[in-house]
């Protein structure tokens, strides 16, 4: 009677992949947290300088952010500056 063959798992490979996955998760979390804190600092600086904080917020937004799309459309409709003709 033969003994069953011992199955060996590639422990170093699994440990390495787990470490890479955890590093990616923590890296993305740190990036998002630091991005939000930088945005908050920039908004505070904009308020102190008298700049519209919504424009600062929209500089961090994605292209499908409804608030920023409406803000951009509103800013374009209010842009009635005179143009110089040559």
C-alpha atoms as a PDB file:
ATOM      1  CA  UNK A   1       0.000   0.000   0.000  1.00  0.00           C
ATOM      2  CA  UNK A   2       1.375   3.392  -1.065  1.00  0.00           C
ATOM      3  CA  UNK A   3       1.182   6.475   1.083  1.00  0.00           C
ATOM      4  CA  UNK A   4      -0.554   9.480  -0.476  1.00  0.00           C
ATOM      5  CA  UNK A   5       1.712  12.062  -2.017  1.00  0.00           C
ATOM      6  CA  UNK A   6       2.091  15.142   0.150  1.00  0.00           C
ATOM      7  CA  UNK A   7       0.705  18.206  -1.607  1.00  0.00           C
ATOM      8  CA  UNK A   8       2.955  21.206  -1.176  1.00  0.00           C
ATOM      9  CA  UNK A   9       1.557  24.667  -1.666  1.00  0.00           C
ATOM     10  CA  UNK A  10       3.742  27.385  -3.111  1.00  0.00           C
ATOM     11  CA  UNK A  11       3.836  29.318   0.162  1.00  0.00           C
ATOM     12  CA  UNK A  12       6.324  31.989  -0.938  1.00  0.00           C
ATOM     13  CA  UNK A  13       4.235  32.780  -4.026  1.00  0.00           C
ATOM     14  CA  UNK A  14       1.004  33.062  -2.045  1.00  0.00           C
ATOM     15  CA  UNK A  15       2.685  35.193   0.611  1.00  0.00           C
ATOM     16  CA  UNK A  16       4.197  37.484  -2.035  1.00  0.00           C
ATOM     17  CA  UNK A  17       0.897  37.938  -3.867  1.00  0.00           C
ATOM     18  CA  UNK A  18      -0.881  38.648  -0.588  1.00  0.00           C
ATOM     19  CA  UNK A  19       1.747  41.238   0.324  1.00  0.00           C
ATOM     20  CA  UNK A  20       1.426  42.936  -3.084  1.00  0.00           C
ATOM     21  CA  UNK A  21      -2.384  42.961  -2.823  1.00  0.00           C
ATOM     22  CA  UNK A  22      -2.312  44.452   0.686  1.00  0.00           C
ATOM     23  CA  UNK A  23       0.243  47.067  -0.386  1.00  0.00           C
ATOM     24  CA  UNK A  24      -1.991  48.071  -3.311  1.00  0.00           C
ATOM     25  CA  UNK A  25      -5.054  48.367  -1.075  1.00  0.00           C
ATOM     26  CA  UNK A  26      -3.249  50.456   1.541  1.00  0.00           C
ATOM     27  CA  UNK A  27      -1.591  52.570  -1.162  1.00  0.00           C
ATOM     28  CA  UNK A  28      -4.922  53.416  -2.798  1.00  0.00           C
ATOM     29  CA  UNK A  29      -6.434  54.203   0.596  1.00  0.00           C
ATOM     30  CA  UNK A  30      -3.557  56.525   1.473  1.00  0.00           C
ATOM     31  CA  UNK A  31      -3.790  58.218  -1.932  1.00  0.00           C
ATOM     32  CA  UNK A  32      -7.516  58.901  -1.521  1.00  0.00           C
ATOM     33  CA  UNK A  33      -7.129  60.185   2.041  1.00  0.00           C
ATOM     34  CA  UNK A  34      -4.234  62.474   1.159  1.00  0.00           C
ATOM     35  CA  UNK A  35      -6.050  63.711  -1.966  1.00  0.00           C
ATOM     36  CA  UNK A  36      -9.074  64.723   0.111  1.00  0.00           C
ATOM     37  CA  UNK A  37      -6.981  66.431   2.770  1.00  0.00           C
ATOM     38  CA  UNK A  38      -5.092  68.395   0.096  1.00  0.00           C
ATOM     39  CA  UNK A  39      -8.398  69.405  -1.466  1.00  0.00           C
ATOM     40  CA  UNK A  40      -9.657  70.604   1.929  1.00  0.00           C
ATOM     41  CA  UNK A  41      -6.505  72.679   2.445  1.00  0.00           C
ATOM     42  CA  UNK A  42      -6.831  74.211  -1.022  1.00  0.00           C
ATOM     43  CA  UNK A  43     -10.491  75.062  -0.414  1.00  0.00           C
ATOM     44  CA  UNK A  44      -9.567  76.743   2.880  1.00  0.00           C
ATOM     45  CA  UNK A  45      -6.857  78.738   1.100  1.00  0.00           C
ATOM     46  CA  UNK A  46      -9.305  79.716  -1.653  1.00  0.00           C
ATOM     47  CA  UNK A  47     -11.843  80.946   0.894  1.00  0.00           C
ATOM     48  CA  UNK A  48      -9.149  83.014   2.601  1.00  0.00           C
ATOM     49  CA  UNK A  49      -8.193  84.585  -0.750  1.00  0.00           C
ATOM     50  CA  UNK A  50     -11.797  85.206  -1.817  1.00  0.00           C
ATOM     51  CA  UNK A  51     -11.829  82.572  -4.576  1.00  0.00           C
ATOM     52  CA  UNK A  52     -14.988  80.545  -5.164  1.00  0.00           C
ATOM     53  CA  UNK A  53     -14.469  77.241  -3.275  1.00  0.00           C
ATOM     54  CA  UNK A  54     -16.693  75.381  -5.722  1.00  0.00           C
ATOM     55  CA  UNK A  55     -14.221  76.067  -8.508  1.00  0.00           C
ATOM     56  CA  UNK A  56     -11.458  74.549  -6.380  1.00  0.00           C
ATOM     57  CA  UNK A  57     -13.617  71.519  -5.628  1.00  0.00           C
ATOM     58  CA  UNK A  58     -14.378  71.075  -9.301  1.00  0.00           C
ATOM     59  CA  UNK A  59     -10.682  71.082 -10.168  1.00  0.00           C
ATOM     60  CA  UNK A  60     -10.475  67.763  -8.293  1.00  0.00           C
ATOM     61  CA  UNK A  61     -13.719  66.304  -9.679  1.00  0.00           C
ATOM     62  CA  UNK A  62     -14.211  63.758 -12.412  1.00  0.00           C
ATOM     63  CA  UNK A  63     -15.735  64.751 -15.727  1.00  0.00           C
ATOM     64  CA  UNK A  64     -19.145  63.239 -14.889  1.00  0.00           C
ATOM     65  CA  UNK A  65     -19.659  65.173 -11.637  1.00  0.00           C
ATOM     66  CA  UNK A  66     -23.100  66.758 -12.056  1.00  0.00           C
ATOM     67  CA  UNK A  67     -22.421  69.688  -9.726  1.00  0.00           C
ATOM     68  CA  UNK A  68     -19.266  70.678 -11.572  1.00  0.00           C
ATOM     69  CA  UNK A  69     -20.888  70.280 -14.984  1.00  0.00           C
ATOM     70  CA  UNK A  70     -23.654  72.645 -13.877  1.00  0.00           C
ATOM     71  CA  UNK A  71     -21.071  75.027 -12.380  1.00  0.00           C
ATOM     72  CA  UNK A  72     -19.102  75.079 -15.632  1.00  0.00           C
ATOM     73  CA  UNK A  73     -22.263  75.671 -17.664  1.00  0.00           C
ATOM     74  CA  UNK A  74     -23.267  78.486 -15.325  1.00  0.00           C
ATOM     75  CA  UNK A  75     -19.810  80.047 -15.506  1.00  0.00           C
ATOM     76  CA  UNK A  76     -19.937  79.972 -19.314  1.00  0.00           C
ATOM     77  CA  UNK A  77     -23.368  81.584 -19.399  1.00  0.00           C
ATOM     78  CA  UNK A  78     -22.164  84.394 -17.110  1.00  0.00           C
ATOM     79  CA  UNK A  79     -19.004  84.982 -19.076  1.00  0.00           C
ATOM     80  CA  UNK A  80     -20.041  88.197 -20.833  1.00  0.00           C
ATOM     81  CA  UNK A  81     -16.685  89.906 -20.993  1.00  0.00           C
ATOM     82  CA  UNK A  82     -16.000  92.144 -23.938  1.00  0.00           C
ATOM     83  CA  UNK A  83     -13.822  90.815 -26.705  1.00  0.00           C
ATOM     84  CA  UNK A  84     -11.398  92.874 -28.684  1.00  0.00           C
ATOM     85  CA  UNK A  85     -11.870  92.818 -32.463  1.00  0.00           C
ATOM     86  CA  UNK A  86      -8.864  93.183 -34.692  1.00  0.00           C
END
